Amino acid sequence: MSENRSGSGGLFVGGLLVGAAVGTVVGLLFAPKPGRETRQLLKKSADALPELAEDLSASMQLQADRLSGTALRNWDDTLMRLREALAAGIEASQRQRELEQQAASSPEPKAQDSSIG
């Protein structure tokens, strides 16, 4: 459950960065400034987009690394439990086979005939 929360953290940061960029552009377009100043601000915002994209990419890469590490740990845990279950199954099968061999090799008790007389 905590893995889902950590997975949504990267998405939240990405959404926050994209929302900030979109909000900035929309705010500049509707700002009561002359066209020249608005164009200059838009140019500065556009110049900042590569850095924003790089930050978003780095955030997503960190999140992917974290998720792949979690997946590897989960895989290792599952593999270990599977090996333990197989070993227990083999051991139980061997015990059962030994019990069956002992039962087959031991003489069966003969039924006493009470009708002799």
Protein backbone atom coordinates (compact mmCIF):
# COMPACT_ATOMS: atom_id res chain seq x y z
CA MET A 1 0.00 0.00 0.00
CA SER A 2 2.86 2.38 0.79
CA GLU A 3 4.31 1.57 -2.64
CA ASN A 4 1.21 3.05 -4.28
CA ARG A 5 1.63 6.21 -2.25
CA SER A 6 5.26 6.58 -3.28
CA GLY A 7 4.28 5.93 -6.91
CA SER A 8 1.74 8.74 -6.86
CA GLY A 9 4.33 11.17 -5.45
CA GLY A 10 6.23 11.32 -8.74
CA LEU A 11 3.00 11.84 -10.63
CA PHE A 12 2.05 14.64 -8.26
CA VAL A 13 5.38 16.42 -8.76
CA GLY A 14 5.09 16.04 -12.54
CA GLY A 15 1.55 17.38 -12.51
CA LEU A 16 2.61 20.25 -10.29
CA LEU A 17 5.40 21.27 -12.68
CA VAL A 18 3.21 21.03 -15.78
CA GLY A 19 0.39 22.90 -14.04
CA ALA A 20 2.79 25.67 -12.99
CA ALA A 21 4.02 26.06 -16.57
CA VAL A 22 0.52 26.15 -18.03
CA GLY A 23 -0.65 28.56 -15.32
CA THR A 24 2.25 30.89 -16.02
CA VAL A 25 1.53 31.01 -19.74
CA VAL A 26 -2.20 31.54 -19.25
CA GLY A 27 -1.58 34.22 -16.62
CA LEU A 28 0.77 36.07 -18.94
CA LEU A 29 -1.68 35.94 -21.81
CA PHE A 30 -4.45 37.47 -19.71
CA ALA A 31 -2.25 39.96 -17.85
CA PRO A 32 -3.01 43.65 -18.49
CA LYS A 33 0.41 44.43 -19.95
CA PRO A 34 1.41 45.77 -23.32
CA GLY A 35 2.04 43.18 -26.04
CA ARG A 36 5.78 43.79 -26.08
CA GLU A 37 6.17 43.01 -22.34
CA THR A 38 3.91 39.98 -22.64
CA ARG A 39 5.96 38.63 -25.55
CA GLN A 40 9.16 39.13 -23.55
CA LEU A 41 7.69 37.27 -20.58
CA LEU A 42 6.46 34.48 -22.87
CA LYS A 43 9.94 34.21 -24.39
CA LYS A 44 11.48 33.93 -20.91
CA SER A 45 8.90 31.28 -20.02
CA ALA A 46 9.61 29.40 -23.24
CA ASP A 47 13.33 29.57 -22.49
CA ALA A 48 12.63 27.98 -19.08
CA LEU A 49 10.68 25.06 -20.62
CA PRO A 50 13.76 22.90 -21.38
CA GLU A 51 14.83 23.16 -17.75
CA LEU A 52 11.29 22.31 -16.64
CA ALA A 53 11.25 19.31 -18.98
CA GLU A 54 14.65 18.21 -17.64
CA ASP A 55 13.39 18.45 -14.05
CA LEU A 56 10.29 16.47 -14.97
CA SER A 57 12.40 13.86 -16.74
CA ALA A 58 14.72 13.53 -13.75
CA SER A 59 11.75 13.17 -11.42
CA MET A 60 10.22 10.48 -13.59
CA GLN A 61 13.56 8.65 -13.85
CA LEU A 62 13.92 8.62 -10.07
CA GLN A 63 10.41 7.29 -9.74
CA ALA A 64 11.07 4.58 -12.35
CA ASP A 65 14.27 3.56 -10.55
CA ARG A 66 12.41 3.37 -7.25
CA LEU A 67 9.65 1.26 -8.79
CA SER A 68 12.10 -1.11 -10.48
CA GLY A 69 13.97 -1.54 -7.18
CA THR A 70 10.69 -2.35 -5.45
CA ALA A 71 9.79 -4.82 -8.19
CA LEU A 72 13.17 -6.56 -7.85
CA ARG A 73 12.77 -6.85 -4.08
CA ASN A 74 9.26 -8.23 -4.51
CA TRP A 75 10.54 -10.71 -7.11
CA ASP A 76 13.34 -11.86 -4.79
CA ASP A 77 10.88 -12.31 -1.91
CA THR A 78 8.48 -14.27 -4.11
CA LEU A 79 11.28 -16.46 -5.45
CA MET A 80 12.50 -17.22 -1.91
CA ARG A 81 8.97 -18.16 -0.76
CA LEU A 82 8.53 -20.36 -3.83
CA ARG A 83 11.79 -22.19 -3.10
CA GLU A 84 10.74 -22.74 0.51
CA ALA A 85 7.34 -24.05 -0.58
CA LEU A 86 8.93 -26.42 -3.11
CA ALA A 87 11.37 -27.72 -0.50
CA ALA A 88 8.52 -28.29 1.97
CA GLY A 89 6.48 -30.07 -0.71
CA ILE A 90 9.37 -32.35 -1.65
CA GLU A 91 10.03 -33.15 2.01
CA ALA A 92 6.35 -33.95 2.64
CA SER A 93 6.26 -36.14 -0.47
CA GLN A 94 9.33 -38.08 0.69
CA ARG A 95 7.84 -38.60 4.15
CA GLN A 96 4.60 -39.86 2.63
CA ARG A 97 6.50 -42.24 0.34
CA GLU A 98 8.47 -43.60 3.32
CA LEU A 99 5.26 -44.14 5.28
CA GLU A 100 3.70 -45.99 2.34
CA GLN A 101 6.81 -48.17 1.93
CA GLN A 102 6.79 -49.01 5.64
CA ALA A 103 3.11 -49.90 5.49
CA ALA A 104 3.66 -52.12 2.44
CA SER A 105 6.68 -53.93 3.90
CA SER A 106 5.26 -54.59 7.38
CA PRO A 107 3.13 -57.71 7.75
CA GLU A 108 -0.55 -57.05 7.88
CA PRO A 109 -2.29 -58.36 10.99
CA LYS A 110 -4.27 -61.50 10.20
CA ALA A 111 -7.91 -61.52 11.05
CA GLN A 112 -8.76 -64.14 13.68
CA ASP A 113 -11.39 -66.63 12.66
CA SER A 114 -13.89 -66.99 15.50
CA SER A 115 -16.07 -69.51 13.67
CA ILE A 116 -13.81 -72.50 14.48
CA GLY A 117 -15.47 -74.68 16.81
